[in-house]
Amino acid sequence: MEKRYRTYTIVLATAFALAAMFSVSGCSDAIPVSENDTPTLKQHMFVLPDRLTGQPYSYATPTKAVYLDTNETVKFWAAYSINDVYMSSDTADNHFLNHSWTIEDEEYNISPLRFSFKTPGYRMGILQTVDLFSDTLRDTLNIFVNSPIGISLIAPVNGYNQVKPVSNSEVEIRWSVSGLDPWEAHSCRIYAAFKKDEVWDHDLGSVNCYEDARFVGPFLPDSLIKYLTEHPEQDTSVTIYWGMIAKSYTDDGFQEADSSEIHHFSTQFLHEDSSVIVIPIAYDSQFLSSLYTQVVITDNKGDTLLVEHKQTNPSTIRVKVAPQTGIRIYAQELNLTEFVAEPETTNAQTGSLTILDTIRFYDKTQPQVAPRTLISHTSGRYGGTIMNDSVYFYTLDNGSGINPMKITVTINNDTILHRYTEPFIKFRAPYENNSKIRIHVEDYAHNASPKVYWKFDRVDSYPKITGPFSETGGN
């Protein structure tokens, strides 16, 4: 969504005399005073982004209307000038008795006034100033509070696969647009491509935001239809990905936009009686190796139709099946076993191409740590002080992997230096008995190790680690 903040100024003037009359001494001639010599006080109304500070006239743009978003916090700010020269806020305070803002029937004796509108619609903002002669300056600002714009696709249903590939075929498309206010101009545009990641590069043109439209075939080129007709042993289907963008505009150039999700529909095969299912697979992590994905497809009775393996991320499986309902798809990671995926169910219709939503593997298992051994580097065994002992802890994770940047070792609440060489964390042993060791580890899926600690003691000068113990009590 794109927004542009603006600054607005409206002015209303009154005569402000520094002296109502000039005094003369004796019988000397009076000093002529012209109306043009009388200084003029003007008030200015500004609407500024909440983040701006300083003098409001530094951002001034005259206008009689302001367009805001629902829940957008702005500053309603008054400024003053004499003879069209702005005064600082401190100086202006000496040139009027009081001023106030009236917004939504509430009066506020403060400037700048921070404000936001919780609901869309038209409002009026009033700035009223009483000058030193009790004259009142009053002006009104038109405030238009916009509804957030939004667009969503309705038809065809995402994944629809009964489109005829012949030249006279049509696909009706429908959508829903919200947030188009009566004071805004608006436009809706359609985008489509044969590849999902290229949709927004192909603008098919504008449509009426309130009316339905149609995609008109042929969806296969005539030359390809002719080839497939002459070669019934060959067949294909195409998938079209599409989306829409809605925009709204105001008179002062304020603009908002929203894009829909990308949907797709597919054509039927010309000859094939069986059906094709396409299964995209992806892992919720980028730092993976040694993948071995197994996909098992069964019918509604549980009989296996196909077993296939993949070793890349992402990957795609394309399988031809007889038309049927209740097809079950089970995906399992055989190497990195902490990654799991939910099973899917789908139907296969005659002569159709069915593209499933991506099956995603997620690692939701906490990494674990456990002490290994303590290796003493001292030469004396009896009566000597043990120094420079190294403590080793295993890190255990069979999923996205340990993130070395997310390892912290503390002893008695003091963070200490450590070295990580997969799968071991190494650090210097504590000097004191009954020390508490805490190790925090995260994997690349942002799972954190359990909140536990270990106790460190020395028995007959030899180090000993016990635990883990829960931070909330117990072993």
Protein backbone atom coordinates (compact mmCIF):
# COMPACT_ATOMS: atom_id res chain seq x y z
CA MET A 1 0.00 0.00 0.00
CA GLU A 2 1.41 3.42 -0.96
CA LYS A 3 0.78 6.57 1.06
CA ARG A 4 1.88 10.15 0.70
CA TYR A 5 1.69 12.62 3.58
CA ARG A 6 0.71 16.18 2.91
CA THR A 7 0.72 19.56 4.66
CA TYR A 8 -2.27 21.88 4.26
CA THR A 9 -2.79 25.55 5.02
CA ILE A 10 -5.95 27.66 5.15
CA VAL A 11 -5.90 31.32 6.17
CA LEU A 12 -8.34 33.83 7.66
CA ALA A 13 -7.18 37.37 8.47
CA THR A 14 -8.20 40.16 10.87
CA ALA A 15 -6.73 43.59 11.42
CA PHE A 16 -4.33 43.57 14.31
CA ALA A 17 -3.20 47.11 15.27
CA LEU A 18 0.00 47.48 17.22
CA ALA A 19 -1.41 50.86 18.35
CA ALA A 20 -4.92 52.10 17.83
CA MET A 21 -3.71 55.69 17.59
CA PHE A 22 -0.39 57.46 17.50
CA SER A 23 0.04 60.23 20.16
CA VAL A 24 1.51 63.64 19.29
CA SER A 25 3.01 66.22 21.63
CA GLY A 26 1.84 69.81 21.86
CA CYS A 27 0.13 71.20 18.82
CA SER A 28 2.34 69.54 16.25
CA ASP A 29 0.71 68.07 13.17
CA ALA A 30 -0.83 64.56 13.54
CA ILE A 31 1.02 61.69 11.87
CA PRO A 32 -1.23 60.33 9.08
CA VAL A 33 -2.04 56.63 9.48
CA SER A 34 -3.07 54.63 6.42
CA GLU A 35 -5.11 51.40 6.55
CA ASN A 36 -2.29 49.77 4.62
CA ASP A 37 0.03 50.46 7.57
CA THR A 38 -2.05 48.30 9.93
CA PRO A 39 -0.39 44.93 10.54
CA THR A 40 -2.58 41.94 9.68
CA LEU A 41 -2.68 38.79 11.81
CA LYS A 42 -3.46 35.60 9.94
CA GLN A 43 -4.02 32.09 11.26
CA HIS A 44 -2.96 28.99 9.33
CA MET A 45 -4.11 25.43 9.78
CA PHE A 46 -1.72 22.57 9.16
CA VAL A 47 -2.15 18.80 9.17
CA LEU A 48 1.24 17.17 9.59
CA PRO A 49 2.53 13.61 9.93
CA ASP A 50 2.89 12.68 13.58
CA ARG A 51 6.65 12.19 13.21
CA LEU A 52 7.39 15.79 12.13
CA THR A 53 8.67 18.40 14.57
CA GLY A 54 9.73 22.03 14.38
CA GLN A 55 7.75 24.92 12.99
CA PRO A 56 4.75 23.72 10.96
CA TYR A 57 5.08 26.35 8.23
CA SER A 58 8.30 24.65 7.17
CA TYR A 59 6.09 22.00 5.53
CA ALA A 60 3.17 24.19 4.36
CA THR A 61 1.07 23.47 1.28
CA PRO A 62 -2.16 25.53 1.04
CA THR A 63 -5.39 23.60 0.64
CA LYS A 64 -8.98 23.47 1.78
CA ALA A 65 -9.16 19.70 2.25
CA VAL A 66 -7.13 16.89 3.75
CA TYR A 67 -7.29 13.13 3.03
CA LEU A 68 -6.32 10.74 5.80
CA ASP A 69 -6.36 7.00 6.44
CA THR A 70 -8.42 5.37 9.16
CA ASN A 71 -6.32 5.19 12.37
CA GLU A 72 -3.61 7.41 10.87
CA THR A 73 -2.26 9.66 13.64
CA VAL A 74 -1.53 13.24 12.54
CA LYS A 75 -0.92 16.62 14.13
CA PHE A 76 -3.44 19.45 13.74
CA TRP A 77 -1.20 22.45 14.12
CA ALA A 78 -1.92 26.20 14.19
CA ALA A 79 0.57 28.81 12.98
CA TYR A 80 0.34 32.60 12.70
CA SER A 81 1.80 35.35 10.55
CA ILE A 82 1.84 39.15 10.47
CA ASN A 83 1.98 40.78 7.06
CA ASP A 84 2.47 37.32 5.57
CA VAL A 85 5.62 36.67 7.63
CA TYR A 86 5.35 33.56 9.80
CA MET A 87 6.08 33.81 13.53
CA SER A 88 7.53 31.05 15.65
CA SER A 89 5.15 29.41 18.10
CA ASP A 90 6.67 31.26 21.06
CA THR A 91 6.35 34.64 19.35
CA ALA A 92 2.80 33.98 18.16
CA ASP A 93 1.64 33.32 21.74
CA ASN A 94 2.01 37.05 22.43
CA HIS A 95 -0.45 38.02 19.69
CA PHE A 96 -3.68 36.29 20.71
CA LEU A 97 -5.69 35.57 23.84
CA ASN A 98 -6.54 31.95 23.15
CA HIS A 99 -7.12 29.42 20.42
CA SER A 100 -8.81 26.02 20.16
CA TRP A 101 -9.48 23.12 17.82
CA THR A 102 -12.94 21.60 17.44
CA ILE A 103 -12.98 18.09 15.95
CA GLU A 104 -15.86 15.61 16.13
CA ASP A 105 -17.79 18.03 18.39
CA GLU A 106 -14.97 18.11 20.96
CA GLU A 107 -12.97 21.26 21.75
CA TYR A 108 -9.23 21.04 22.44
CA ASN A 109 -7.22 24.00 23.78
CA ILE A 110 -3.92 22.66 22.54
CA SER A 111 -1.74 22.95 19.48
CA PRO A 112 -0.35 20.83 18.00
CA LEU A 113 -3.16 18.36 18.58
CA ARG A 114 -2.38 14.67 17.95
CA PHE A 115 -5.44 12.94 16.56
CA SER A 116 -6.62 9.89 14.64
CA PHE A 117 -10.01 8.88 13.27
CA LYS A 118 -11.22 5.38 14.11
CA THR A 119 -13.87 5.20 11.39
CA PRO A 120 -13.95 6.41 7.77
CA GLY A 121 -16.11 9.28 6.53
CA TYR A 122 -16.25 13.06 6.19
CA ARG A 123 -15.34 15.35 9.13
CA MET A 124 -14.82 19.05 9.77
CA GLY A 125 -11.96 20.54 11.74
CA ILE A 126 -12.35 24.08 13.10
CA LEU A 127 -9.56 26.35 14.34
CA GLN A 128 -10.75 29.34 16.34
CA THR A 129 -8.48 32.14 17.60
CA VAL A 130 -9.37 35.19 19.72
CA ASP A 131 -6.89 38.03 19.13
CA LEU A 132 -5.82 40.78 21.55
CA PHE A 133 -8.81 42.93 20.53
CA SER A 134 -11.25 40.04 21.17
CA ASP A 135 -11.85 39.61 17.46
CA THR A 136 -12.38 35.98 16.44
CA LEU A 137 -10.69 34.21 13.56
CA ARG A 138 -12.50 31.04 12.56
CA ASP A 139 -11.98 28.67 9.69
CA THR A 140 -12.99 25.14 8.69
CA LEU A 141 -10.93 22.32 7.19
CA ASN A 142 -12.64 19.56 5.23
CA ILE A 143 -11.34 16.18 6.41
CA PHE A 144 -11.91 13.03 4.37
CA VAL A 145 -11.03 9.82 6.23
CA ASN A 146 -10.44 7.02 3.76
CA SER A 147 -11.48 3.42 4.15
CA PRO A 148 -8.53 1.02 3.71
CA ILE A 149 -8.67 -0.31 0.16
CA GLY A 150 -8.71 -4.07 -0.40
CA ILE A 151 -9.26 -6.50 -3.27
CA SER A 152 -9.82 -10.28 -3.27
CA LEU A 153 -10.53 -12.79 -6.03
CA ILE A 154 -13.79 -14.78 -6.04
CA ALA A 155 -14.05 -16.74 -9.28
CA PRO A 156 -12.96 -18.98 -10.79
CA VAL A 157 -12.17 -20.94 -7.64
CA ASN A 158 -8.42 -21.11 -7.17
CA GLY A 159 -7.16 -24.25 -8.92
CA TYR A 160 -10.20 -24.62 -11.22
CA ASN A 161 -9.24 -27.17 -13.90
CA GLN A 162 -12.26 -27.61 -16.17
CA VAL A 163 -11.43 -24.92 -18.74
CA LYS A 164 -11.88 -26.07 -22.34
CA PRO A 165 -8.74 -25.35 -24.38
CA VAL A 166 -10.69 -24.70 -27.62
CA SER A 167 -10.88 -21.28 -29.24
CA ASN A 168 -14.41 -20.37 -28.14
CA SER A 169 -13.88 -21.13 -24.45
CA GLU A 170 -14.33 -18.43 -21.83
CA VAL A 171 -13.64 -18.12 -18.12
CA GLU A 172 -15.71 -15.70 -16.06
CA ILE A 173 -13.69 -13.85 -13.42
CA ARG A 174 -15.15 -12.08 -10.40
CA TRP A 175 -13.62 -10.14 -7.52
CA SER A 176 -14.52 -8.01 -4.53
CA VAL A 177 -13.20 -4.50 -3.86
CA SER A 178 -13.63 -2.65 -0.56
CA GLY A 179 -12.69 0.81 0.66
CA LEU A 180 -13.64 2.86 -2.43
CA ASP A 181 -14.87 6.14 -0.95
CA PRO A 182 -17.21 8.49 -2.86
CA TRP A 183 -14.63 11.29 -2.98
CA GLU A 184 -12.00 9.05 -4.60
CA ALA A 185 -11.31 8.07 -8.18
CA HIS A 186 -10.33 4.43 -8.60
CA SER A 187 -9.05 1.86 -11.08
CA CYS A 188 -8.68 -1.92 -11.24
CA ARG A 189 -6.22 -3.79 -13.46
CA ILE A 190 -5.78 -7.46 -14.32
CA TYR A 191 -2.45 -9.26 -14.55
CA ALA A 192 -1.79 -12.80 -15.83
CA ALA A 193 1.05 -15.07 -16.94
CA PHE A 194 1.93 -18.73 -17.48
CA LYS A 195 4.45 -18.52 -14.60
CA LYS A 196 3.45 -17.50 -11.09
CA ASP A 197 6.48 -15.32 -10.46
CA GLU A 198 5.86 -13.34 -13.67
CA VAL A 199 2.22 -12.36 -13.06
CA TRP A 200 2.86 -8.74 -12.03
CA ASP A 201 5.04 -8.22 -15.13
CA HIS A 202 2.10 -8.70 -17.52
CA ASP A 203 -0.61 -6.02 -17.35
CA LEU A 204 -3.67 -7.08 -19.38
CA GLY A 205 -5.45 -3.75 -18.94
CA SER A 206 -8.05 -2.01 -16.79
CA VAL A 207 -11.58 -3.16 -15.93
CA ASN A 208 -14.54 -1.63 -14.14
CA CYS A 209 -14.01 -2.24 -10.42
CA TYR A 210 -17.72 -2.99 -9.95
CA GLU A 211 -18.28 -5.33 -12.92
CA ASP A 212 -17.23 -8.89 -13.75
CA ALA A 213 -14.97 -9.74 -16.67
CA ARG A 214 -13.91 -12.76 -18.75
CA PHE A 215 -10.79 -14.45 -20.00
CA VAL A 216 -11.42 -15.45 -23.62
CA GLY A 217 -9.73 -18.43 -25.30
CA PRO A 218 -8.07 -20.07 -27.02
CA PHE A 219 -5.81 -20.85 -24.09
CA LEU A 220 -3.72 -23.14 -26.29
CA PRO A 221 -2.32 -21.67 -29.51
CA ASP A 222 -4.08 -22.87 -32.66
CA SER A 223 -0.87 -24.49 -33.90
CA LEU A 224 -0.60 -26.54 -30.69
CA ILE A 225 -4.27 -27.58 -30.84
CA LYS A 226 -3.73 -28.70 -34.45
CA TYR A 227 -0.63 -30.69 -33.45
CA LEU A 228 -2.41 -32.39 -30.52
CA THR A 229 -5.37 -33.22 -32.70
CA GLU A 230 -3.09 -34.93 -35.22
CA HIS A 231 -1.08 -36.70 -32.47
CA PRO A 232 -3.54 -38.10 -29.90
CA GLU A 233 -0.68 -39.89 -28.14
CA GLN A 234 0.60 -36.45 -27.11
CA ASP A 235 -1.31 -34.16 -24.80
CA THR A 236 -0.82 -31.15 -22.57
CA SER A 237 -2.56 -28.68 -20.33
CA VAL A 238 -1.69 -25.07 -19.55
CA THR A 239 -2.06 -23.21 -16.29
CA ILE A 240 -2.75 -19.50 -16.14
CA TYR A 241 -1.84 -17.52 -13.01
CA TRP A 242 -3.65 -14.22 -12.47
CA GLY A 243 -4.17 -11.42 -9.98
CA MET A 244 -5.56 -7.89 -9.70
CA ILE A 245 -4.48 -4.52 -8.35
CA ALA A 246 -6.95 -1.87 -7.14
CA LYS A 247 -5.94 1.78 -6.70
CA SER A 248 -7.71 4.85 -5.36
CA TYR A 249 -6.82 8.51 -5.92
CA THR A 250 -7.79 11.85 -4.40
CA ASP A 251 -7.69 15.33 -5.89
CA ASP A 252 -4.46 16.22 -4.11
CA GLY A 253 -2.56 13.19 -5.37
CA PHE A 254 -3.02 10.93 -2.35
CA GLN A 255 -2.93 7.30 -3.55
CA GLU A 256 -3.58 3.86 -2.08
CA ALA A 257 -3.25 0.45 -3.68
CA ASP A 258 -3.83 -3.19 -2.80
CA SER A 259 -3.03 -6.36 -4.72
CA SER A 260 -4.91 -9.63 -4.55
CA GLU A 261 -3.43 -13.04 -3.96
CA ILE A 262 -2.36 -14.88 -7.10
CA HIS A 263 -4.85 -17.55 -8.21
CA HIS A 264 -4.60 -20.04 -11.05
CA PHE A 265 -6.78 -22.14 -13.35
CA SER A 266 -5.87 -24.90 -15.83
CA THR A 267 -7.17 -26.23 -19.12
CA GLN A 268 -8.30 -29.79 -19.65
CA PHE A 269 -6.40 -32.27 -21.82
CA LEU A 270 -7.69 -32.77 -25.35
CA HIS A 271 -7.49 -36.58 -25.40
CA GLU A 272 -6.26 -37.99 -22.12
CA ASP A 273 -8.84 -39.91 -20.10
CA SER A 274 -6.57 -40.10 -17.06
CA SER A 275 -5.67 -37.12 -14.88
CA VAL A 276 -2.45 -35.46 -13.77
CA ILE A 277 -1.64 -34.20 -10.27
CA VAL A 278 1.22 -31.75 -9.67
CA ILE A 279 2.58 -31.63 -6.10
CA PRO A 280 4.97 -28.75 -5.20
CA ILE A 281 7.14 -29.43 -2.13
CA ALA A 282 9.20 -26.96 -0.10
CA TYR A 283 11.05 -26.83 3.22
CA ASP A 284 10.73 -23.91 5.61
CA SER A 285 14.49 -23.38 5.73
CA GLN A 286 17.26 -22.41 3.32
CA PHE A 287 20.27 -24.02 5.05
CA LEU A 288 19.62 -27.67 4.28
CA SER A 289 21.61 -30.59 2.91
CA SER A 290 21.19 -34.38 2.72
CA LEU A 291 17.45 -34.13 2.05
CA TYR A 292 15.59 -37.28 1.19
CA THR A 293 11.89 -36.64 0.69
CA GLN A 294 9.49 -39.54 0.27
CA VAL A 295 5.98 -39.00 -1.13
CA VAL A 296 3.40 -41.78 -0.96
CA ILE A 297 0.12 -41.46 -2.88
CA THR A 298 -2.78 -43.76 -2.00
CA ASP A 299 -6.39 -44.14 -3.10
CA ASN A 300 -9.33 -43.71 -0.76
CA LYS A 301 -9.00 -47.35 0.36
CA GLY A 302 -5.37 -46.91 1.39
CA ASP A 303 -3.87 -48.84 -1.53
CA THR A 304 -0.58 -47.33 -2.73
CA LEU A 305 -0.70 -45.73 -6.16
CA LEU A 306 2.81 -44.31 -6.24
CA VAL A 307 5.96 -43.84 -4.15
CA GLU A 308 8.49 -41.21 -5.26
CA HIS A 309 11.62 -39.65 -3.75
CA LYS A 310 13.18 -36.20 -4.11
CA GLN A 311 16.44 -34.73 -2.83
CA THR A 312 16.12 -31.03 -3.64
CA ASN A 313 14.43 -28.02 -2.07
CA PRO A 314 12.07 -27.01 -3.56
CA SER A 315 10.91 -29.90 -5.71
CA THR A 316 7.86 -30.91 -7.76
CA ILE A 317 6.22 -34.28 -8.32
CA ARG A 318 4.00 -34.83 -11.36
CA VAL A 319 1.94 -38.03 -11.39
CA LYS A 320 -0.71 -39.43 -13.74
CA VAL A 321 -3.64 -41.18 -12.03
CA ALA A 322 -7.03 -42.54 -12.97
CA PRO A 323 -9.95 -40.17 -12.23
CA GLN A 324 -11.10 -40.72 -8.62
CA THR A 325 -11.91 -39.04 -5.33
CA GLY A 326 -10.24 -39.17 -1.95
CA ILE A 327 -6.62 -39.42 -3.11
CA ARG A 328 -4.28 -39.14 -0.09
CA ILE A 329 -0.77 -37.70 -0.27
CA TYR A 330 1.75 -38.37 2.51
CA ALA A 331 5.11 -36.57 2.52
CA GLN A 332 7.91 -37.63 4.86
CA GLU A 333 11.51 -36.51 5.37
CA LEU A 334 13.67 -39.60 5.89
CA ASN A 335 16.99 -37.92 6.76
CA LEU A 336 16.19 -34.70 8.64
CA THR A 337 13.45 -36.29 10.69
CA GLU A 338 12.51 -33.17 12.66
CA PHE A 339 10.89 -31.82 9.48
CA VAL A 340 7.25 -32.87 9.18
CA ALA A 341 4.42 -32.07 6.75
CA GLU A 342 0.67 -32.49 6.97
CA PRO A 343 -1.00 -35.07 4.65
CA GLU A 344 -3.18 -33.77 1.82
CA THR A 345 -6.40 -35.02 0.21
CA THR A 346 -7.48 -34.25 -3.36
CA ASN A 347 -9.69 -35.43 -6.20
CA ALA A 348 -8.76 -36.14 -9.83
CA GLN A 349 -11.31 -35.43 -12.53
CA THR A 350 -11.31 -36.86 -16.02
CA GLY A 351 -8.86 -35.15 -18.34
CA SER A 352 -7.88 -32.56 -15.75
CA LEU A 353 -4.66 -31.11 -14.37
CA THR A 354 -4.74 -30.56 -10.60
CA ILE A 355 -2.04 -28.36 -9.07
CA LEU A 356 -1.99 -28.68 -5.29
CA ASP A 357 -0.98 -25.99 -2.84
CA THR A 358 2.65 -26.38 -1.85
CA ILE A 359 3.26 -29.09 0.73
CA ARG A 360 5.54 -27.46 3.28
CA PHE A 361 7.88 -29.15 5.73
CA TYR A 362 8.28 -27.40 9.07
CA ASP A 363 10.79 -27.98 11.85
CA LYS A 364 9.00 -27.41 15.17
CA THR A 365 11.28 -29.50 17.40
CA GLN A 366 13.48 -27.90 20.06
CA PRO A 367 17.22 -28.47 19.79
CA GLN A 368 18.79 -30.24 22.76
CA VAL A 369 22.11 -29.87 24.57
CA ALA A 370 23.83 -32.37 26.87
CA PRO A 371 27.23 -32.50 28.63
CA ARG A 372 29.91 -34.72 27.20
CA THR A 373 33.12 -34.94 29.29
CA LEU A 374 35.55 -32.69 31.08
CA ILE A 375 39.16 -32.83 29.92
CA SER A 376 41.74 -31.75 32.50
CA HIS A 377 44.86 -29.93 31.37
CA THR A 378 46.60 -29.90 34.77
CA SER A 379 49.74 -31.85 35.56
CA GLY A 380 49.22 -32.34 39.29
CA ARG A 381 46.68 -34.73 40.73
CA TYR A 382 47.18 -34.38 44.49
CA GLY A 383 46.73 -31.15 46.38
CA GLY A 384 46.98 -28.98 43.22
CA THR A 385 44.36 -26.48 41.93
CA ILE A 386 42.70 -27.59 38.73
CA MET A 387 42.84 -24.82 36.11
CA ASN A 388 41.95 -24.46 32.43
CA ASP A 389 39.44 -27.34 32.39
CA SER A 390 37.40 -27.40 29.17
CA VAL A 391 33.72 -28.28 29.27
CA TYR A 392 32.09 -29.86 26.23
CA PHE A 393 28.35 -29.99 25.48
CA TYR A 394 26.70 -31.84 22.61
CA THR A 395 24.17 -30.00 20.44
CA LEU A 396 21.45 -32.28 19.12
CA ASP A 397 19.30 -31.18 16.17
CA ASN A 398 18.11 -33.24 13.22
CA GLY A 399 16.20 -30.56 11.42
CA SER A 400 17.08 -27.08 10.22
CA GLY A 401 20.40 -27.14 12.12
CA ILE A 402 21.97 -25.16 14.97
CA ASN A 403 22.41 -21.44 14.32
CA PRO A 404 25.92 -20.56 15.66
CA MET A 405 24.85 -16.92 16.08
CA LYS A 406 22.15 -17.98 18.56
CA ILE A 407 24.29 -19.80 21.13
CA THR A 408 24.76 -18.25 24.59
CA VAL A 409 26.61 -19.77 27.56
CA THR A 410 26.19 -18.32 31.05
CA ILE A 411 27.71 -19.37 34.38
CA ASN A 412 25.99 -17.97 37.45
CA ASN A 413 24.26 -15.42 35.18
CA ASP A 414 27.54 -14.18 33.67
CA THR A 415 27.89 -14.67 29.92
CA ILE A 416 31.18 -16.37 29.03
CA LEU A 417 33.10 -16.98 25.84
CA HIS A 418 32.56 -20.26 23.99
CA ARG A 419 33.63 -22.02 20.81
CA TYR A 420 31.22 -23.93 18.58
CA THR A 421 32.57 -26.72 16.38
CA GLU A 422 29.63 -28.80 15.24
CA PRO A 423 28.27 -30.58 17.18
CA PHE A 424 30.18 -29.39 20.30
CA ILE A 425 30.07 -26.24 22.41
CA LYS A 426 33.35 -25.76 24.30
CA PHE A 427 34.03 -23.33 27.16
CA ARG A 428 36.19 -22.99 30.28
CA ALA A 429 34.94 -24.73 33.41
CA PRO A 430 33.79 -22.65 36.41
CA TYR A 431 36.18 -22.09 39.31
CA GLU A 432 33.53 -22.27 42.02
CA ASN A 433 31.56 -25.26 43.30
CA ASN A 434 27.80 -25.35 42.92
CA SER A 435 27.97 -23.12 39.84
CA LYS A 436 24.99 -23.06 37.51
CA ILE A 437 25.61 -23.53 33.79
CA ARG A 438 22.93 -22.39 31.36
CA ILE A 439 23.19 -22.90 27.61
CA HIS A 440 20.74 -21.27 25.20
CA VAL A 441 20.65 -22.64 21.65
CA GLU A 442 18.37 -21.90 18.67
CA ASP A 443 18.05 -23.66 15.34
CA TYR A 444 17.46 -21.98 11.99
CA ALA A 445 13.71 -22.55 12.39
CA HIS A 446 13.84 -20.33 15.53
CA ASN A 447 13.17 -23.20 17.94
CA ALA A 448 14.92 -22.61 21.28
CA SER A 449 16.39 -25.22 23.59
CA PRO A 450 14.54 -25.96 26.87
CA LYS A 451 15.08 -23.61 29.81
CA VAL A 452 17.22 -25.79 32.08
CA TYR A 453 20.52 -25.57 33.92
CA TRP A 454 23.31 -27.89 35.07
CA LYS A 455 25.23 -27.86 38.36
CA PHE A 456 29.03 -27.85 38.34
CA ASP A 457 31.06 -29.12 41.32
CA ARG A 458 34.53 -30.46 42.03
CA VAL A 459 34.79 -33.74 43.91
CA ASP A 460 38.32 -34.63 45.10
CA SER A 461 39.60 -31.99 42.69
CA TYR A 462 37.80 -33.58 39.76
CA PRO A 463 35.03 -31.71 37.90
CA LYS A 464 31.48 -33.09 38.00
CA ILE A 465 28.31 -31.99 36.15
CA THR A 466 24.80 -32.97 37.24
CA GLY A 467 21.43 -32.17 35.71
CA PRO A 468 19.64 -30.92 33.80
CA PHE A 469 17.32 -29.16 36.27
CA SER A 470 14.21 -27.27 35.31
CA GLU A 471 14.22 -23.52 35.88
CA THR A 472 10.79 -23.95 37.48
CA GLY A 473 12.04 -26.62 39.89
CA GLY A 474 12.63 -30.37 39.72
CA ASN A 475 14.92 -32.56 37.61
